[in-house]
Amino acid sequence: MFNQQKVLIATSVTAEQKAIQAGLGRDAQVDVMTIGVGPMSAAAYTAKALASKDYDLVISMGIAGGFKEKAAVESLVVADALIAADLGAESSDGFLPLDDLGFGSIYLRPDQEMVEQVVSTLFAAYPFVHQGAILTRATVTGTEQTASRLIKRYPDAVAEAMEGFGVGTAAEAFGVPFLEIRSISNEVGPRNREAWKLKESLSLLTKVSSVLWRDYT
């Protein structure tokens, strides 16, 4: 569906990059680059890429954790909102997001028509696709208490990752549309590496790129 567009796909690590490239075939219109782990590195290196070349679209793509009963392991999530979940201040009444402090916003929203089109395209090829907010955090959740606190604070959240808001911030600064697409490798909560489905979630990234650039595979 993006065959005529120059697209930058931003991934955090090489394994994600290679998985996505494996599904792209010979499409020369797509650059897949690693931008590092975390929102700061993501913003800096995405901005560097956008300053050096013109793109029509930026996609933050990779694996992520899914919230219980929101996005199961081995499902896909397309973000309709990117949320900087930790950006704000503590108070005696609890967490205050940046919006409440009057210094900006913790929300970035992709073009909703494009989001719905991507969801529809992916769903036609793979039935386990969710649309919802993806949290961006500098520290990955590792306890049930934190997972519960986050879902209470952000009830529309379906997944958690570390780069989306950084990528989106850079794209917005350059006036370029952006998306975030994630395959779910684990459940948000206590760390249990034995239960992670890394191989399967990376294979899903290959499927995503092959579906979205179907004519070039």
N, C-alpha and C. Protein backbone atom coordinates (compact mmCIF):
# COMPACT_ATOMS: atom_id res chain seq x y z
N MET A 1 0.80 -1.22 0.00
CA MET A 1 0.00 0.00 0.00
C MET A 1 0.84 1.28 0.00
N PHE A 2 2.14 1.13 0.29
CA PHE A 2 3.03 2.29 0.29
C PHE A 2 4.01 2.26 -0.88
N ASN A 3 3.65 1.57 -1.94
CA ASN A 3 4.60 1.29 -3.01
C ASN A 3 5.16 2.53 -3.70
N GLN A 4 4.40 3.60 -3.76
CA GLN A 4 4.86 4.80 -4.46
C GLN A 4 5.47 5.83 -3.52
N GLN A 5 5.63 5.49 -2.25
CA GLN A 5 6.14 6.43 -1.27
C GLN A 5 7.57 6.09 -0.85
N LYS A 6 8.32 7.14 -0.53
CA LYS A 6 9.66 6.94 0.04
C LYS A 6 9.49 6.84 1.55
N VAL A 7 9.80 5.67 2.08
CA VAL A 7 9.50 5.37 3.48
C VAL A 7 10.77 5.08 4.27
N LEU A 8 10.83 5.64 5.46
CA LEU A 8 11.88 5.32 6.42
C LEU A 8 11.27 4.46 7.52
N ILE A 9 11.81 3.26 7.70
CA ILE A 9 11.38 2.40 8.81
C ILE A 9 12.47 2.42 9.87
N ALA A 10 12.11 2.83 11.07
CA ALA A 10 13.06 2.95 12.17
C ALA A 10 12.89 1.78 13.13
N THR A 11 13.97 1.04 13.35
CA THR A 11 13.96 -0.09 14.28
C THR A 11 15.00 0.16 15.36
N SER A 12 14.84 -0.54 16.48
CA SER A 12 15.80 -0.32 17.58
C SER A 12 17.04 -1.18 17.45
N VAL A 13 16.89 -2.41 16.93
CA VAL A 13 18.02 -3.34 16.88
C VAL A 13 18.11 -4.01 15.51
N THR A 14 19.27 -4.62 15.25
CA THR A 14 19.54 -5.22 13.94
C THR A 14 18.61 -6.38 13.64
N ALA A 15 18.23 -7.16 14.65
CA ALA A 15 17.35 -8.31 14.41
C ALA A 15 16.02 -7.86 13.82
N GLU A 16 15.48 -6.75 14.30
CA GLU A 16 14.24 -6.21 13.75
C GLU A 16 14.47 -5.71 12.33
N GLN A 17 15.56 -5.02 12.13
CA GLN A 17 15.89 -4.50 10.80
C GLN A 17 15.94 -5.61 9.77
N LYS A 18 16.65 -6.69 10.08
CA LYS A 18 16.79 -7.80 9.14
C LYS A 18 15.47 -8.49 8.88
N ALA A 19 14.65 -8.64 9.93
CA ALA A 19 13.35 -9.29 9.76
C ALA A 19 12.47 -8.49 8.81
N ILE A 20 12.47 -7.19 8.95
CA ILE A 20 11.65 -6.34 8.08
C ILE A 20 12.18 -6.35 6.65
N GLN A 21 13.49 -6.25 6.50
CA GLN A 21 14.10 -6.27 5.17
C GLN A 21 13.79 -7.57 4.44
N ALA A 22 13.68 -8.67 5.18
CA ALA A 22 13.41 -9.97 4.56
C ALA A 22 12.06 -10.00 3.86
N GLY A 23 11.13 -9.17 4.29
CA GLY A 23 9.82 -9.15 3.66
C GLY A 23 9.66 -8.12 2.58
N LEU A 24 10.64 -7.25 2.42
CA LEU A 24 10.51 -6.14 1.47
C LEU A 24 10.85 -6.51 0.04
N GLY A 25 11.61 -7.58 -0.14
CA GLY A 25 12.02 -7.92 -1.49
C GLY A 25 12.92 -6.85 -2.07
N ARG A 26 12.63 -6.43 -3.28
CA ARG A 26 13.54 -5.52 -4.01
C ARG A 26 13.07 -4.07 -4.01
N ASP A 27 12.17 -3.69 -3.12
CA ASP A 27 11.66 -2.32 -3.10
C ASP A 27 12.75 -1.34 -2.69
N ALA A 28 13.17 -0.49 -3.62
CA ALA A 28 14.24 0.47 -3.34
C ALA A 28 13.72 1.75 -2.69
N GLN A 29 12.41 1.85 -2.51
CA GLN A 29 11.82 3.06 -1.95
C GLN A 29 11.81 3.05 -0.42
N VAL A 30 12.24 1.96 0.20
CA VAL A 30 12.18 1.80 1.65
C VAL A 30 13.58 1.69 2.24
N ASP A 31 13.88 2.55 3.20
CA ASP A 31 15.12 2.45 3.96
C ASP A 31 14.79 1.96 5.36
N VAL A 32 15.42 0.87 5.77
CA VAL A 32 15.22 0.33 7.11
C VAL A 32 16.51 0.56 7.90
N MET A 33 16.42 1.33 8.96
CA MET A 33 17.62 1.66 9.72
C MET A 33 17.41 1.39 11.21
N THR A 34 18.51 1.15 11.91
CA THR A 34 18.46 1.01 13.37
C THR A 34 18.76 2.37 13.99
N ILE A 35 17.93 2.73 14.95
CA ILE A 35 18.07 4.05 15.57
C ILE A 35 18.37 3.94 17.07
N GLY A 36 18.67 2.73 17.53
CA GLY A 36 19.03 2.55 18.93
C GLY A 36 17.83 2.32 19.83
N VAL A 37 18.13 2.03 21.09
CA VAL A 37 17.09 1.71 22.07
C VAL A 37 16.74 2.95 22.89
N GLY A 38 15.45 3.19 23.05
CA GLY A 38 14.98 4.29 23.88
C GLY A 38 14.57 5.51 23.09
N PRO A 39 13.73 6.36 23.68
CA PRO A 39 13.17 7.51 22.95
C PRO A 39 14.17 8.57 22.57
N MET A 40 15.22 8.76 23.37
CA MET A 40 16.19 9.82 23.06
C MET A 40 17.00 9.46 21.82
N SER A 41 17.55 8.25 21.80
CA SER A 41 18.31 7.80 20.64
C SER A 41 17.41 7.75 19.41
N ALA A 42 16.18 7.29 19.59
CA ALA A 42 15.24 7.20 18.47
C ALA A 42 14.98 8.56 17.85
N ALA A 43 14.75 9.57 18.68
CA ALA A 43 14.49 10.91 18.17
C ALA A 43 15.70 11.48 17.45
N ALA A 44 16.88 11.31 18.04
CA ALA A 44 18.10 11.89 17.47
C ALA A 44 18.44 11.28 16.12
N TYR A 45 18.44 9.95 16.04
CA TYR A 45 18.86 9.31 14.80
C TYR A 45 17.79 9.35 13.72
N THR A 46 16.53 9.40 14.11
CA THR A 46 15.48 9.59 13.11
C THR A 46 15.58 11.00 12.52
N ALA A 47 15.81 11.98 13.37
CA ALA A 47 15.98 13.36 12.88
C ALA A 47 17.19 13.47 11.96
N LYS A 48 18.26 12.79 12.30
CA LYS A 48 19.46 12.81 11.45
C LYS A 48 19.14 12.24 10.07
N ALA A 49 18.38 11.14 10.04
CA ALA A 49 18.01 10.53 8.76
C ALA A 49 17.11 11.45 7.95
N LEU A 50 16.16 12.10 8.61
CA LEU A 50 15.23 12.99 7.91
C LEU A 50 15.92 14.25 7.40
N ALA A 51 16.99 14.66 8.06
CA ALA A 51 17.74 15.83 7.62
C ALA A 51 18.60 15.55 6.40
N SER A 52 18.89 14.27 6.17
CA SER A 52 19.79 13.91 5.08
C SER A 52 19.07 13.44 3.82
N LYS A 53 17.77 13.15 3.93
CA LYS A 53 17.03 12.62 2.79
C LYS A 53 15.55 12.91 2.96
N ASP A 54 14.85 13.14 1.86
CA ASP A 54 13.42 13.40 1.91
C ASP A 54 12.64 12.09 1.96
N TYR A 55 11.69 12.01 2.88
CA TYR A 55 10.82 10.84 3.00
C TYR A 55 9.37 11.29 3.01
N ASP A 56 8.49 10.39 2.56
CA ASP A 56 7.05 10.66 2.58
C ASP A 56 6.38 10.12 3.84
N LEU A 57 7.06 9.18 4.51
CA LEU A 57 6.46 8.53 5.68
C LEU A 57 7.57 7.93 6.54
N VAL A 58 7.37 8.00 7.86
CA VAL A 58 8.27 7.35 8.81
C VAL A 58 7.46 6.35 9.62
N ILE A 59 8.00 5.14 9.76
CA ILE A 59 7.33 4.11 10.55
C ILE A 59 8.27 3.60 11.63
N SER A 60 7.85 3.69 12.88
CA SER A 60 8.55 3.03 13.98
C SER A 60 8.02 1.60 14.03
N MET A 61 8.91 0.63 13.81
CA MET A 61 8.46 -0.76 13.72
C MET A 61 9.40 -1.67 14.49
N GLY A 62 8.83 -2.65 15.17
CA GLY A 62 9.64 -3.60 15.93
C GLY A 62 8.76 -4.43 16.84
N ILE A 63 9.39 -5.09 17.80
CA ILE A 63 8.65 -5.91 18.75
C ILE A 63 8.26 -5.06 19.96
N ALA A 64 7.32 -5.56 20.74
CA ALA A 64 6.83 -4.80 21.90
C ALA A 64 6.18 -5.75 22.89
N GLY A 65 5.87 -5.21 24.06
CA GLY A 65 5.08 -5.95 25.04
C GLY A 65 3.62 -5.57 24.91
N GLY A 66 2.74 -6.54 25.06
CA GLY A 66 1.30 -6.29 24.98
C GLY A 66 0.66 -6.34 26.36
N PHE A 67 -0.28 -5.46 26.62
CA PHE A 67 -0.98 -5.48 27.89
C PHE A 67 -1.99 -6.63 27.93
N LYS A 68 -2.09 -7.24 29.09
CA LYS A 68 -2.97 -8.39 29.28
C LYS A 68 -4.40 -8.06 28.86
N GLU A 69 -4.98 -8.96 28.09
CA GLU A 69 -6.35 -8.84 27.60
C GLU A 69 -6.53 -7.67 26.62
N LYS A 70 -5.42 -7.10 26.18
CA LYS A 70 -5.49 -6.02 25.18
C LYS A 70 -4.83 -6.44 23.87
N ALA A 71 -3.63 -7.03 23.98
CA ALA A 71 -2.88 -7.47 22.79
C ALA A 71 -2.09 -8.72 23.17
N ALA A 72 -2.51 -9.85 22.67
CA ALA A 72 -1.89 -11.12 23.03
C ALA A 72 -0.53 -11.28 22.35
N VAL A 73 0.29 -12.14 22.92
CA VAL A 73 1.57 -12.49 22.30
C VAL A 73 1.31 -13.07 20.91
N GLU A 74 2.14 -12.68 19.95
CA GLU A 74 2.04 -13.07 18.54
C GLU A 74 0.88 -12.38 17.82
N SER A 75 0.45 -11.24 18.36
CA SER A 75 -0.50 -10.40 17.62
C SER A 75 0.22 -9.15 17.14
N LEU A 76 -0.47 -8.35 16.35
CA LEU A 76 0.08 -7.10 15.82
C LEU A 76 -0.69 -5.91 16.39
N VAL A 77 0.01 -4.80 16.57
CA VAL A 77 -0.62 -3.57 17.04
C VAL A 77 -0.24 -2.42 16.12
N VAL A 78 -1.23 -1.67 15.70
CA VAL A 78 -1.02 -0.44 14.95
C VAL A 78 -1.48 0.71 15.84
N ALA A 79 -0.59 1.65 16.11
CA ALA A 79 -0.89 2.72 17.06
C ALA A 79 -1.80 3.78 16.46
N ASP A 80 -2.87 4.12 17.20
CA ASP A 80 -3.64 5.30 16.83
C ASP A 80 -3.27 6.49 17.72
N ALA A 81 -2.38 6.23 18.69
CA ALA A 81 -1.79 7.29 19.51
C ALA A 81 -0.45 6.80 20.05
N LEU A 82 0.52 7.68 20.08
CA LEU A 82 1.83 7.40 20.67
C LEU A 82 1.91 8.22 21.94
N ILE A 83 2.16 7.57 23.07
CA ILE A 83 2.09 8.25 24.36
C ILE A 83 3.43 8.16 25.08
N ALA A 84 4.00 9.32 25.44
CA ALA A 84 5.21 9.35 26.27
C ALA A 84 4.77 9.17 27.72
N ALA A 85 4.69 7.92 28.14
CA ALA A 85 4.00 7.57 29.37
C ALA A 85 4.66 8.11 30.63
N ASP A 86 5.95 8.41 30.59
CA ASP A 86 6.67 8.86 31.78
C ASP A 86 6.94 10.36 31.79
N LEU A 87 6.49 11.08 30.78
CA LEU A 87 6.85 12.49 30.64
C LEU A 87 5.90 13.36 31.45
N GLY A 88 6.41 13.86 32.58
CA GLY A 88 5.57 14.66 33.46
C GLY A 88 6.25 14.87 34.79
N ALA A 89 5.46 14.92 35.85
CA ALA A 89 6.01 15.16 37.19
C ALA A 89 5.23 14.37 38.23
N GLU A 90 5.91 14.03 39.31
CA GLU A 90 5.24 13.41 40.44
C GLU A 90 4.63 14.50 41.32
N SER A 91 3.55 14.15 42.01
CA SER A 91 2.95 15.06 42.99
C SER A 91 2.35 14.23 44.11
N SER A 92 1.90 14.89 45.15
CA SER A 92 1.27 14.17 46.26
C SER A 92 -0.02 13.49 45.82
N ASP A 93 -0.59 13.96 44.71
CA ASP A 93 -1.82 13.37 44.18
C ASP A 93 -1.56 12.34 43.10
N GLY A 94 -0.28 12.08 42.81
CA GLY A 94 0.06 11.11 41.78
C GLY A 94 0.77 11.75 40.61
N PHE A 95 0.83 11.01 39.51
CA PHE A 95 1.56 11.47 38.32
C PHE A 95 0.80 12.57 37.60
N LEU A 96 1.53 13.60 37.19
CA LEU A 96 0.96 14.69 36.40
C LEU A 96 1.60 14.68 35.02
N PRO A 97 0.84 14.35 33.97
CA PRO A 97 1.41 14.36 32.62
C PRO A 97 1.76 15.77 32.18
N LEU A 98 2.62 15.85 31.18
CA LEU A 98 3.08 17.13 30.67
C LEU A 98 1.93 18.05 30.30
N ASP A 99 0.86 17.47 29.79
CA ASP A 99 -0.31 18.25 29.40
C ASP A 99 -0.86 19.05 30.58
N ASP A 100 -0.91 18.43 31.76
CA ASP A 100 -1.44 19.09 32.94
C ASP A 100 -0.51 20.19 33.46
N LEU A 101 0.76 20.08 33.12
CA LEU A 101 1.74 21.07 33.57
C LEU A 101 1.81 22.28 32.64
N GLY A 102 1.21 22.15 31.46
CA GLY A 102 1.19 23.26 30.52
C GLY A 102 2.46 23.44 29.71
N PHE A 103 3.24 22.34 29.58
CA PHE A 103 4.52 22.44 28.87
C PHE A 103 4.56 21.65 27.57
N GLY A 104 3.43 21.25 27.07
CA GLY A 104 3.40 20.44 25.85
C GLY A 104 2.44 19.29 26.02
N SER A 105 2.67 18.22 25.29
CA SER A 105 1.76 17.08 25.33
C SER A 105 2.53 15.77 25.28
N ILE A 106 1.96 14.77 25.94
CA ILE A 106 2.54 13.42 25.90
C ILE A 106 1.93 12.60 24.77
N TYR A 107 1.07 13.21 23.98
CA TYR A 107 0.36 12.48 22.92
C TYR A 107 0.81 12.92 21.52
N LEU A 108 1.05 11.94 20.68
CA LEU A 108 1.22 12.16 19.25
C LEU A 108 0.21 11.27 18.54
N ARG A 109 -0.47 11.81 17.54
CA ARG A 109 -1.51 11.03 16.87
C ARG A 109 -1.22 10.94 15.37
N PRO A 110 -1.01 9.73 14.88
CA PRO A 110 -0.83 9.54 13.44
C PRO A 110 -2.12 9.87 12.70
N ASP A 111 -2.02 10.01 11.41
CA ASP A 111 -3.20 10.21 10.58
C ASP A 111 -4.13 9.01 10.74
N GLN A 112 -5.34 9.26 11.22
CA GLN A 112 -6.24 8.15 11.58
C GLN A 112 -6.72 7.37 10.36
N GLU A 113 -6.89 8.05 9.24
CA GLU A 113 -7.30 7.36 8.02
C GLU A 113 -6.22 6.37 7.58
N MET A 114 -4.95 6.79 7.69
CA MET A 114 -3.85 5.91 7.33
C MET A 114 -3.77 4.72 8.30
N VAL A 115 -3.98 4.99 9.58
CA VAL A 115 -3.97 3.92 10.59
C VAL A 115 -5.02 2.87 10.26
N GLU A 116 -6.22 3.32 9.98
CA GLU A 116 -7.31 2.39 9.68
C GLU A 116 -7.04 1.60 8.40
N GLN A 117 -6.42 2.25 7.43
CA GLN A 117 -6.08 1.55 6.19
C GLN A 117 -5.04 0.46 6.44
N VAL A 118 -4.04 0.76 7.27
CA VAL A 118 -3.01 -0.24 7.60
C VAL A 118 -3.64 -1.40 8.36
N VAL A 119 -4.48 -1.09 9.34
CA VAL A 119 -5.14 -2.15 10.11
C VAL A 119 -5.95 -3.05 9.19
N SER A 120 -6.71 -2.46 8.28
CA SER A 120 -7.53 -3.23 7.35
C SER A 120 -6.68 -4.11 6.44
N THR A 121 -5.59 -3.56 5.93
CA THR A 121 -4.70 -4.31 5.04
C THR A 121 -4.05 -5.48 5.76
N LEU A 122 -3.57 -5.25 6.98
CA LEU A 122 -2.93 -6.32 7.74
C LEU A 122 -3.94 -7.37 8.18
N PHE A 123 -5.13 -6.92 8.58
CA PHE A 123 -6.15 -7.85 9.07
C PHE A 123 -6.59 -8.81 7.97
N ALA A 124 -6.57 -8.35 6.73
CA ALA A 124 -6.96 -9.22 5.62
C ALA A 124 -5.98 -10.38 5.45
N ALA A 125 -4.75 -10.20 5.93
CA ALA A 125 -3.73 -11.24 5.79
C ALA A 125 -3.46 -11.98 7.09
N TYR A 126 -3.82 -11.36 8.21
CA TYR A 126 -3.51 -11.94 9.52
C TYR A 126 -4.56 -11.44 10.51
N PRO A 127 -5.37 -12.33 11.08
CA PRO A 127 -6.55 -11.89 11.84
C PRO A 127 -6.28 -11.30 13.22
N PHE A 128 -5.05 -11.37 13.71
CA PHE A 128 -4.78 -10.92 15.07
C PHE A 128 -4.10 -9.54 15.05
N VAL A 129 -4.90 -8.53 14.71
CA VAL A 129 -4.40 -7.17 14.58
C VAL A 129 -5.23 -6.25 15.48
N HIS A 130 -4.55 -5.42 16.26
CA HIS A 130 -5.22 -4.51 17.18
C HIS A 130 -4.88 -3.07 16.83
N GLN A 131 -5.80 -2.19 17.11
CA GLN A 131 -5.58 -0.75 16.97
C GLN A 131 -5.73 -0.11 18.35
N GLY A 132 -4.76 0.71 18.75
CA GLY A 132 -4.84 1.35 20.05
C GLY A 132 -3.60 2.15 20.35
N ALA A 133 -3.53 2.69 21.54
CA ALA A 133 -2.39 3.51 21.94
C ALA A 133 -1.20 2.63 22.31
N ILE A 134 -0.01 3.06 21.91
CA ILE A 134 1.23 2.39 22.31
C ILE A 134 2.01 3.35 23.19
N LEU A 135 2.36 2.88 24.38
CA LEU A 135 3.15 3.68 25.31
C LEU A 135 4.62 3.64 24.93
N THR A 136 5.29 4.76 25.06
CA THR A 136 6.75 4.82 24.94
C THR A 136 7.32 5.05 26.33
N ARG A 137 8.22 4.15 26.75
CA ARG A 137 8.83 4.28 28.08
C ARG A 137 10.34 4.12 27.97
N ALA A 138 11.06 4.82 28.84
CA ALA A 138 12.52 4.67 28.89
C ALA A 138 12.91 3.47 29.74
N THR A 139 12.00 3.01 30.60
CA THR A 139 12.23 1.83 31.43
C THR A 139 11.11 0.84 31.16
N VAL A 140 11.46 -0.35 30.70
CA VAL A 140 10.45 -1.36 30.39
C VAL A 140 9.80 -1.87 31.68
N THR A 141 8.51 -2.05 31.64
CA THR A 141 7.78 -2.55 32.80
C THR A 141 8.25 -3.95 33.19
N GLY A 142 8.42 -4.17 34.50
CA GLY A 142 8.88 -5.47 34.96
C GLY A 142 8.11 -6.02 36.14
N THR A 143 7.02 -5.35 36.53
CA THR A 143 6.20 -5.82 37.64
C THR A 143 4.72 -5.71 37.30
N GLU A 144 3.92 -6.51 37.98
CA GLU A 144 2.47 -6.46 37.79
C GLU A 144 1.92 -5.12 38.29
N GLN A 145 2.54 -4.59 39.35
CA GLN A 145 2.07 -3.32 39.92
C GLN A 145 2.22 -2.18 38.91
N THR A 146 3.37 -2.14 38.25
CA THR A 146 3.58 -1.08 37.26
C THR A 146 2.64 -1.24 36.07
N ALA A 147 2.46 -2.48 35.62
CA ALA A 147 1.54 -2.72 34.50
C ALA A 147 0.13 -2.25 34.85
N SER A 148 -0.32 -2.56 36.06
CA SER A 148 -1.66 -2.15 36.49
C SER A 148 -1.77 -0.64 36.59
N ARG A 149 -0.73 0.00 37.11
CA ARG A 149 -0.73 1.45 37.24
C ARG A 149 -0.79 2.13 35.87
N LEU A 150 -0.05 1.59 34.91
CA LEU A 150 -0.03 2.18 33.57
C LEU A 150 -1.38 2.03 32.88
N ILE A 151 -1.98 0.87 33.00
CA ILE A 151 -3.25 0.65 32.29
C ILE A 151 -4.37 1.46 32.95
N LYS A 152 -4.24 1.73 34.25
CA LYS A 152 -5.21 2.59 34.93
C LYS A 152 -5.04 4.03 34.46
N ARG A 153 -3.79 4.45 34.28
CA ARG A 153 -3.49 5.81 33.84
C ARG A 153 -3.83 6.01 32.37
N TYR A 154 -3.59 4.96 31.56
CA TYR A 154 -3.81 5.04 30.12
C TYR A 154 -4.68 3.86 29.67
N PRO A 155 -5.99 3.94 29.90
CA PRO A 155 -6.87 2.80 29.62
C PRO A 155 -6.94 2.40 28.15
N ASP A 156 -6.55 3.29 27.24
CA ASP A 156 -6.58 2.96 25.81
C ASP A 156 -5.29 2.28 25.34
N ALA A 157 -4.32 2.14 26.23
CA ALA A 157 -3.04 1.54 25.85
C ALA A 157 -3.20 0.04 25.60
N VAL A 158 -2.58 -0.44 24.53
CA VAL A 158 -2.61 -1.87 24.23
C VAL A 158 -1.22 -2.48 24.24
N ALA A 159 -0.18 -1.64 24.13
CA ALA A 159 1.19 -2.16 24.07
C ALA A 159 2.17 -1.12 24.63
N GLU A 160 3.38 -1.61 24.90
CA GLU A 160 4.45 -0.77 25.43
C GLU A 160 5.74 -1.04 24.68
N ALA A 161 6.42 0.03 24.28
CA ALA A 161 7.72 -0.09 23.62
C ALA A 161 8.59 1.07 24.09
N MET A 162 9.71 1.32 23.40
CA MET A 162 10.67 2.31 23.90
C MET A 162 11.04 3.41 22.90
N GLU A 163 10.56 3.33 21.66
CA GLU A 163 11.04 4.27 20.65
C GLU A 163 9.98 5.10 19.94
N GLY A 164 8.74 4.67 19.95
CA GLY A 164 7.73 5.28 19.09
C GLY A 164 7.59 6.78 19.22
N PHE A 165 7.48 7.28 20.45
CA PHE A 165 7.29 8.71 20.64
C PHE A 165 8.50 9.50 20.17
N GLY A 166 9.69 8.94 20.33
CA GLY A 166 10.90 9.60 19.84
C GLY A 166 10.91 9.71 18.33
N VAL A 167 10.56 8.60 17.66
CA VAL A 167 10.48 8.60 16.19
C VAL A 167 9.41 9.58 15.72
N GLY A 168 8.25 9.53 16.37
CA GLY A 168 7.15 10.42 16.00
C GLY A 168 7.47 11.88 16.20
N THR A 169 8.21 12.20 17.27
CA THR A 169 8.60 13.58 17.54
C THR A 169 9.49 14.12 16.43
N ALA A 170 10.46 13.30 16.01
CA ALA A 170 11.35 13.71 14.91
C ALA A 170 10.56 13.90 13.62
N ALA A 171 9.68 12.95 13.32
CA ALA A 171 8.89 13.04 12.10
C ALA A 171 8.02 14.29 12.10
N GLU A 172 7.37 14.55 13.22
CA GLU A 172 6.50 15.73 13.32
C GLU A 172 7.30 17.02 13.15
N ALA A 173 8.52 17.04 13.69
CA ALA A 173 9.37 18.23 13.56
C ALA A 173 9.72 18.52 12.11
N PHE A 174 9.80 17.46 11.29
CA PHE A 174 10.13 17.62 9.87
C PHE A 174 8.88 17.64 8.99
N GLY A 175 7.71 17.59 9.61
CA GLY A 175 6.47 17.64 8.84
C GLY A 175 6.20 16.40 8.03
N VAL A 176 6.69 15.24 8.51
CA VAL A 176 6.52 13.98 7.80
C VAL A 176 5.52 13.10 8.55
N PRO A 177 4.54 12.51 7.86
CA PRO A 177 3.60 11.61 8.53
C PRO A 177 4.33 10.42 9.17
N PHE A 178 3.74 9.87 10.22
CA PHE A 178 4.39 8.78 10.93
C PHE A 178 3.38 7.73 11.38
N LEU A 179 3.89 6.53 11.60
CA LEU A 179 3.11 5.41 12.12
C LEU A 179 3.97 4.64 13.12
N GLU A 180 3.31 3.85 13.96
CA GLU A 180 4.02 2.87 14.78
C GLU A 180 3.31 1.53 14.65
N ILE A 181 4.07 0.51 14.29
CA ILE A 181 3.54 -0.85 14.11
C ILE A 181 4.40 -1.80 14.93
N ARG A 182 3.78 -2.64 15.75
CA ARG A 182 4.51 -3.54 16.62
C ARG A 182 3.96 -4.96 16.56
N SER A 183 4.88 -5.92 16.64
CA SER A 183 4.49 -7.31 16.86
C SER A 183 4.75 -7.62 18.33
N ILE A 184 3.85 -8.34 18.95
CA ILE A 184 3.90 -8.56 20.40
C ILE A 184 4.68 -9.83 20.72
N SER A 185 5.77 -9.64 21.45
CA SER A 185 6.65 -10.76 21.80
C SER A 185 6.43 -11.26 23.22
N ASN A 186 5.82 -10.44 24.06
CA ASN A 186 5.67 -10.80 25.47
C ASN A 186 4.55 -9.98 26.09
N GLU A 187 4.12 -10.41 27.25
CA GLU A 187 3.09 -9.69 28.00
C GLU A 187 3.75 -8.65 28.89
N VAL A 188 3.17 -7.46 28.97
CA VAL A 188 3.67 -6.42 29.86
C VAL A 188 3.46 -6.86 31.30
N GLY A 189 4.54 -6.83 32.09
CA GLY A 189 4.45 -7.26 33.48
C GLY A 189 5.75 -7.88 33.93
N PRO A 190 5.70 -8.82 34.87
CA PRO A 190 6.93 -9.45 35.37
C PRO A 190 7.76 -10.05 34.25
N ARG A 191 9.08 -9.83 34.31
CA ARG A 191 9.97 -10.33 33.26
C ARG A 191 10.05 -11.85 33.33
N ASN A 192 9.76 -12.47 32.20
CA ASN A 192 9.83 -13.93 32.09
C ASN A 192 10.34 -14.25 30.69
N ARG A 193 11.65 -14.20 30.53
CA ARG A 193 12.25 -14.36 29.20
C ARG A 193 11.91 -15.71 28.57
N GLU A 194 11.68 -16.72 29.39
CA GLU A 194 11.37 -18.04 28.85
C GLU A 194 10.04 -18.04 28.11
N ALA A 195 9.17 -17.10 28.44
CA ALA A 195 7.86 -17.05 27.80
C ALA A 195 7.84 -16.12 26.59
N TRP A 196 8.92 -15.40 26.37
CA TRP A 196 8.96 -14.48 25.23
C TRP A 196 8.97 -15.25 23.91
N LYS A 197 8.30 -14.70 22.92
CA LYS A 197 8.23 -15.31 21.59
C LYS A 197 8.99 -14.41 20.60
N LEU A 198 10.30 -14.34 20.78
CA LEU A 198 11.10 -13.44 19.95
C LEU A 198 11.15 -13.89 18.49
N LYS A 199 11.41 -15.17 18.27
CA LYS A 199 11.50 -15.68 16.90
C LYS A 199 10.18 -15.47 16.17
N GLU A 200 9.09 -15.79 16.85
CA GLU A 200 7.78 -15.66 16.22
C GLU A 200 7.42 -14.20 15.94
N SER A 201 7.75 -13.32 16.88
CA SER A 201 7.41 -11.90 16.68
C SER A 201 8.27 -11.26 15.59
N LEU A 202 9.50 -11.71 15.46
CA LEU A 202 10.34 -11.22 14.36
C LEU A 202 9.80 -11.72 13.02
N SER A 203 9.34 -12.96 12.99
CA SER A 203 8.73 -13.49 11.76
C SER A 203 7.49 -12.69 11.38
N LEU A 204 6.76 -12.22 12.39
CA LEU A 204 5.59 -11.39 12.12
C LEU A 204 5.97 -10.06 11.47
N LEU A 205 7.11 -9.52 11.86
CA LEU A 205 7.58 -8.28 11.22
C LEU A 205 7.86 -8.50 9.74
N THR A 206 8.41 -9.67 9.41
CA THR A 206 8.63 -10.01 8.01
C THR A 206 7.30 -10.07 7.27
N LYS A 207 6.29 -10.64 7.93
CA LYS A 207 4.97 -10.74 7.32
C LYS A 207 4.36 -9.35 7.10
N VAL A 208 4.54 -8.47 8.08
CA VAL A 208 4.00 -7.11 7.96
C VAL A 208 4.58 -6.41 6.74
N SER A 209 5.90 -6.44 6.60
CA SER A 209 6.52 -5.74 5.47
C SER A 209 6.14 -6.37 4.14
N SER A 210 5.99 -7.69 4.12
CA SER A 210 5.61 -8.34 2.86
C SER A 210 4.18 -8.00 2.47
N VAL A 211 3.31 -7.80 3.45
CA VAL A 211 1.91 -7.44 3.17
C VAL A 211 1.80 -5.98 2.75
N LEU A 212 2.47 -5.08 3.46
CA LEU A 212 2.34 -3.66 3.16
C LEU A 212 3.03 -3.27 1.86
N TRP A 213 4.04 -4.06 1.45
CA TRP A 213 4.71 -3.82 0.17
C TRP A 213 4.55 -5.05 -0.72
N ARG A 214 3.34 -5.54 -0.80
CA ARG A 214 3.02 -6.80 -1.46
C ARG A 214 3.52 -6.88 -2.90
N ASP A 215 3.41 -5.79 -3.64
CA ASP A 215 3.76 -5.81 -5.06
C ASP A 215 5.25 -5.99 -5.32
N TYR A 216 6.05 -5.88 -4.26
CA TYR A 216 7.50 -5.93 -4.45
C TYR A 216 8.14 -7.18 -3.87
N THR A 217 7.34 -8.13 -3.41
CA THR A 217 7.90 -9.33 -2.80
C THR A 217 8.05 -10.42 -3.84
